[in-house]
Amino acid sequence: MGGLLGGVGNIVNAAAGAVAGGNGGGGAAGGGDFQAMMDQLKQTYQESMQKSMELRRVQVDQNTQKKVADERVQ
């Protein structure tokens, strides 16, 4: 997941640079780059949420299995 967070950080930094530097250059081109970065950020966020939900599901399954195993021992 560290790579995913690093990717989000790179996107945010690039977007901030585009906003800060976009005022001097062509506004339309800068706006298009910003929108593309925002779209990429949304996609990365959705992927992160899916992985988070999958991890949570695995953790719940493991806890359930552990409880069943603990009850068998008793």
C-alpha atoms as a PDB file:
ATOM      1  CA  MET A   1       0.000   0.000   0.000  1.00  0.00           C
ATOM      2  CA  GLY A   2       3.024   2.277   0.396  1.00  0.00           C
ATOM      3  CA  GLY A   3       3.383   2.512  -3.371  1.00  0.00           C
ATOM      4  CA  LEU A   4      -0.229   3.550  -3.655  1.00  0.00           C
ATOM      5  CA  LEU A   5       0.206   6.320  -1.093  1.00  0.00           C
ATOM      6  CA  GLY A   6       3.385   7.453  -2.814  1.00  0.00           C
ATOM      7  CA  GLY A   7       1.451   7.666  -6.077  1.00  0.00           C
ATOM      8  CA  VAL A   8      -1.222   9.795  -4.426  1.00  0.00           C
ATOM      9  CA  GLY A   9       1.467  12.079  -3.001  1.00  0.00           C
ATOM     10  CA  ASN A  10       3.054  12.487  -6.426  1.00  0.00           C
ATOM     11  CA  ILE A  11      -0.314  13.330  -7.981  1.00  0.00           C
ATOM     12  CA  VAL A  12      -1.099  15.900  -5.293  1.00  0.00           C
ATOM     13  CA  ASN A  13       2.337  17.502  -5.607  1.00  0.00           C
ATOM     14  CA  ALA A  14       2.038  17.642  -9.397  1.00  0.00           C
ATOM     15  CA  ALA A  15      -1.458  19.146  -9.125  1.00  0.00           C
ATOM     16  CA  ALA A  16      -0.228  21.790  -6.690  1.00  0.00           C
ATOM     17  CA  GLY A  17       2.615  22.617  -9.058  1.00  0.00           C
ATOM     18  CA  ALA A  18       0.210  22.879 -11.979  1.00  0.00           C
ATOM     19  CA  VAL A  19      -2.045  25.247 -10.050  1.00  0.00           C
ATOM     20  CA  ALA A  20       0.866  27.384  -8.857  1.00  0.00           C
ATOM     21  CA  GLY A  21       2.592  27.454 -12.240  1.00  0.00           C
ATOM     22  CA  GLY A  22      -0.545  27.509 -14.376  1.00  0.00           C
ATOM     23  CA  ASN A  23      -1.158  31.213 -13.924  1.00  0.00           C
ATOM     24  CA  GLY A  24       1.740  32.277 -16.137  1.00  0.00           C
ATOM     25  CA  GLY A  25       1.145  29.785 -18.952  1.00  0.00           C
ATOM     26  CA  GLY A  26      -1.895  28.911 -20.984  1.00  0.00           C
ATOM     27  CA  GLY A  27      -4.827  28.640 -18.649  1.00  0.00           C
ATOM     28  CA  ALA A  28      -6.670  26.062 -20.764  1.00  0.00           C
ATOM     29  CA  ALA A  29      -3.689  23.715 -20.974  1.00  0.00           C
ATOM     30  CA  GLY A  30      -3.014  24.034 -17.259  1.00  0.00           C
ATOM     31  CA  GLY A  31      -6.667  23.388 -16.483  1.00  0.00           C
ATOM     32  CA  GLY A  32      -6.655  20.254 -18.634  1.00  0.00           C
ATOM     33  CA  ASP A  33      -3.568  18.948 -16.862  1.00  0.00           C
ATOM     34  CA  PHE A  34      -5.146  19.669 -13.502  1.00  0.00           C
ATOM     35  CA  GLN A  35      -8.357  17.878 -14.468  1.00  0.00           C
ATOM     36  CA  ALA A  36      -6.376  14.860 -15.688  1.00  0.00           C
ATOM     37  CA  MET A  37      -4.485  14.758 -12.391  1.00  0.00           C
ATOM     38  CA  MET A  38      -7.733  15.037 -10.428  1.00  0.00           C
ATOM     39  CA  ASP A  39      -9.201  12.162 -12.449  1.00  0.00           C
ATOM     40  CA  GLN A  40      -6.103  10.089 -11.727  1.00  0.00           C
ATOM     41  CA  LEU A  41      -6.346  10.985  -8.028  1.00  0.00           C
ATOM     42  CA  LYS A  42      -9.991   9.862  -7.945  1.00  0.00           C
ATOM     43  CA  GLN A  43      -9.070   6.567  -9.592  1.00  0.00           C
ATOM     44  CA  THR A  44      -6.197   6.010  -7.159  1.00  0.00           C
ATOM     45  CA  TYR A  45      -8.478   6.808  -4.230  1.00  0.00           C
ATOM     46  CA  GLN A  46     -11.096   4.320  -5.445  1.00  0.00           C
ATOM     47  CA  GLU A  47      -8.445   1.614  -5.826  1.00  0.00           C
ATOM     48  CA  SER A  48      -7.219   2.390  -2.316  1.00  0.00           C
ATOM     49  CA  MET A  49     -10.740   2.101  -0.895  1.00  0.00           C
ATOM     50  CA  GLN A  50     -11.273  -1.247  -2.647  1.00  0.00           C
ATOM     51  CA  LYS A  51      -8.024  -2.606  -1.237  1.00  0.00           C
ATOM     52  CA  SER A  52      -8.934  -1.284   2.211  1.00  0.00           C
ATOM     53  CA  MET A  53     -12.317  -3.025   2.103  1.00  0.00           C
ATOM     54  CA  GLU A  54     -10.677  -6.251   0.927  1.00  0.00           C
ATOM     55  CA  LEU A  55      -8.157  -6.065   3.776  1.00  0.00           C
ATOM     56  CA  ARG A  56     -10.953  -5.475   6.291  1.00  0.00           C
ATOM     57  CA  ARG A  57     -12.866  -8.488   4.941  1.00  0.00           C
ATOM     58  CA  VAL A  58      -9.774 -10.686   5.324  1.00  0.00           C
ATOM     59  CA  GLN A  59      -9.224  -9.437   8.874  1.00  0.00           C
ATOM     60  CA  VAL A  60     -12.831 -10.215   9.829  1.00  0.00           C
ATOM     61  CA  ASP A  61     -12.527 -13.709   8.314  1.00  0.00           C
ATOM     62  CA  GLN A  62      -9.308 -14.354  10.222  1.00  0.00           C
ATOM     63  CA  ASN A  63     -10.834 -13.156  13.497  1.00  0.00           C
ATOM     64  CA  THR A  64     -13.841 -15.414  12.941  1.00  0.00           C
ATOM     65  CA  GLN A  65     -11.615 -18.407  12.250  1.00  0.00           C
ATOM     66  CA  LYS A  66      -9.531 -17.631  15.337  1.00  0.00           C
ATOM     67  CA  LYS A  67     -12.631 -17.464  17.539  1.00  0.00           C
ATOM     68  CA  VAL A  68     -13.849 -20.810  16.189  1.00  0.00           C
ATOM     69  CA  ALA A  69     -10.424 -22.360  16.811  1.00  0.00           C
ATOM     70  CA  ASP A  70     -10.307 -20.927  20.339  1.00  0.00           C
ATOM     71  CA  GLU A  71     -13.736 -22.386  21.117  1.00  0.00           C
ATOM     72  CA  ARG A  72     -12.645 -25.817  19.895  1.00  0.00           C
ATOM     73  CA  VAL A  73      -9.664 -25.765  22.266  1.00  0.00           C
ATOM     74  CA  GLN A  74     -11.853 -24.975  25.260  1.00  0.00           C
END
